[in-house]
Amino acid sequence: MNRKNPLEQFESLLMAPPFNGRFFGSIEIDVEESDKEVRVVADIPGFNREEINLEVTRGSVLTISAERSINDSDDEVVFTERRQNVSRRISLPATVSITDAEATYNNGVLTVTLPKTDESPNTHIPIE
């Protein structure tokens, strides 16, 4: 009899619908692939471009994160439901390069276009 340990059982539950590896409050994404590139479209409303960070590691893992402060004034925060930190790590369907990568942020939607390649170093991608 082959039994999974409890941690493996929990992980398999998280990777099955409706979670698919996503947790409440994480960034919702679409991933598109063509012969030459991978495009990731992410909804990150309420953040400024400067508050968003993009990194590619191991040539095929994109990390999108955003962080903002709760309150820039001297007023006391009584109640808040808006998230101050969000992040999402995506295993891309191909190895990508950041050399000609492009990232834009418009009306809360981040679009990252990454050309495919055979090799890619770890790096940070600027957002225009």
Protein backbone atom coordinates (compact mmCIF):
# COMPACT_ATOMS: atom_id res chain seq x y z
CA MET A 1 0.00 0.00 0.00
CA ASN A 2 1.47 3.37 -1.09
CA ARG A 3 0.45 6.16 1.30
CA LYS A 4 1.32 9.83 0.95
CA ASN A 5 2.49 11.70 3.99
CA PRO A 6 0.12 14.43 5.25
CA LEU A 7 2.23 17.25 3.74
CA GLU A 8 2.09 15.63 0.27
CA GLN A 9 -1.69 15.20 0.64
CA PHE A 10 -2.07 18.88 1.56
CA GLU A 11 0.10 20.00 -1.38
CA SER A 12 -1.88 17.88 -3.84
CA LEU A 13 -5.10 19.48 -2.56
CA LEU A 14 -3.68 22.96 -3.12
CA MET A 15 -2.66 22.14 -6.69
CA ALA A 16 -6.13 20.78 -7.59
CA PRO A 17 -9.08 22.99 -8.65
CA PRO A 18 -10.22 25.48 -7.42
CA PHE A 19 -6.84 26.50 -5.94
CA ASN A 20 -4.35 25.46 -8.67
CA GLY A 21 -1.48 26.72 -6.51
CA ARG A 22 -3.13 30.11 -5.99
CA PHE A 23 -4.07 31.50 -2.59
CA PHE A 24 -6.60 34.13 -1.58
CA GLY A 25 -5.24 37.56 -2.35
CA SER A 26 -2.57 36.41 -4.78
CA ILE A 27 -2.09 37.96 -8.20
CA GLU A 28 -4.36 36.62 -10.94
CA ILE A 29 -2.55 35.93 -14.22
CA ASP A 30 -2.87 34.73 -17.81
CA VAL A 31 0.14 33.09 -19.51
CA GLU A 32 0.37 33.00 -23.30
CA GLU A 33 3.08 31.32 -25.37
CA SER A 34 4.06 31.73 -29.02
CA ASP A 35 6.99 30.33 -30.99
CA LYS A 36 9.20 33.28 -29.99
CA GLU A 37 7.97 34.56 -26.61
CA VAL A 38 6.05 34.08 -23.39
CA ARG A 39 3.59 36.77 -22.28
CA VAL A 40 2.24 37.11 -18.76
CA VAL A 41 -0.69 39.41 -18.06
CA ALA A 42 -1.36 40.09 -14.37
CA ASP A 43 -4.03 42.08 -12.54
CA ILE A 44 -2.39 44.21 -9.84
CA PRO A 45 -4.86 47.05 -9.18
CA GLY A 46 -4.12 49.79 -6.68
CA PHE A 47 -0.33 49.77 -6.90
CA ASN A 48 1.98 52.30 -8.53
CA ARG A 49 4.47 51.12 -11.14
CA GLU A 50 7.35 51.87 -8.75
CA GLU A 51 5.87 49.51 -6.13
CA ILE A 52 6.00 46.47 -8.45
CA ASN A 53 9.05 44.22 -8.77
CA LEU A 54 9.76 41.60 -11.46
CA GLU A 55 12.49 38.96 -11.36
CA VAL A 56 13.38 35.94 -13.48
CA THR A 57 15.30 33.11 -11.81
CA ARG A 58 16.55 29.81 -13.20
CA GLY A 59 15.63 31.13 -16.65
CA SER A 60 12.00 30.09 -16.38
CA VAL A 61 10.56 31.27 -13.07
CA LEU A 62 8.97 34.72 -13.02
CA THR A 63 8.28 36.36 -9.67
CA ILE A 64 5.90 39.30 -9.56
CA SER A 65 5.63 41.16 -6.26
CA ALA A 66 4.19 44.47 -5.12
CA GLU A 67 4.34 46.31 -1.82
CA ARG A 68 2.83 49.58 -0.61
CA SER A 69 2.40 51.31 2.71
CA ILE A 70 -0.96 51.31 4.43
CA ASN A 71 -1.11 54.97 5.26
CA ASP A 72 1.32 57.76 4.41
CA SER A 73 -0.40 60.31 6.63
CA ASP A 74 -0.33 60.74 10.40
CA ASP A 75 -3.91 59.48 10.62
CA GLU A 76 -4.55 56.26 12.52
CA VAL A 77 -5.75 53.35 10.39
CA VAL A 78 -8.98 52.13 11.96
CA PHE A 79 -9.84 49.39 9.49
CA THR A 80 -8.32 48.12 6.25
CA GLU A 81 -9.08 45.27 3.87
CA ARG A 82 -6.81 46.33 1.01
CA ARG A 83 -3.70 44.21 0.61
CA GLN A 84 -0.36 45.93 1.08
CA ASN A 85 1.77 43.04 -0.23
CA VAL A 86 1.02 40.65 -3.07
CA SER A 87 3.23 38.22 -4.92
CA ARG A 88 3.09 35.37 -7.37
CA ARG A 89 5.77 32.99 -8.62
CA ILE A 90 5.08 31.51 -12.05
CA SER A 91 6.85 28.58 -13.67
CA LEU A 92 6.99 29.63 -17.30
CA PRO A 93 6.50 27.08 -20.11
CA ALA A 94 9.93 27.89 -21.62
CA THR A 95 13.33 29.32 -20.73
CA VAL A 96 13.29 33.08 -21.30
CA SER A 97 15.78 35.92 -21.67
CA ILE A 98 15.48 39.36 -20.12
CA THR A 99 17.72 41.00 -22.73
CA ASP A 100 14.76 42.14 -24.84
CA ALA A 101 12.07 41.69 -22.18
CA GLU A 102 9.35 44.31 -21.99
CA ALA A 103 6.99 45.16 -19.15
CA THR A 104 4.18 47.70 -19.13
CA TYR A 105 1.65 48.67 -16.45
CA ASN A 106 -1.59 50.37 -17.41
CA ASN A 107 -4.84 50.72 -15.42
CA GLY A 108 -3.80 48.03 -12.93
CA VAL A 109 -2.81 45.50 -15.59
CA LEU A 110 0.82 44.41 -15.87
CA THR A 111 1.95 42.86 -19.17
CA VAL A 112 5.35 41.15 -19.28
CA THR A 113 6.69 39.92 -22.63
CA LEU A 114 9.73 37.64 -22.45
CA PRO A 115 11.58 36.29 -25.51
CA LYS A 116 12.42 32.59 -25.44
CA THR A 117 16.05 31.52 -25.25
CA ASP A 118 18.29 28.62 -24.29
CA GLU A 119 19.98 30.43 -21.37
CA SER A 120 19.04 33.23 -19.00
CA PRO A 121 20.68 34.68 -15.88
CA ASN A 122 18.77 35.75 -12.77
CA THR A 123 17.76 39.36 -13.14
CA HIS A 124 15.34 42.20 -12.47
CA ILE A 125 13.06 43.54 -15.24
CA PRO A 126 12.25 47.30 -15.25
CA ILE A 127 8.64 48.39 -15.89
CA GLU A 128 8.02 51.21 -18.37
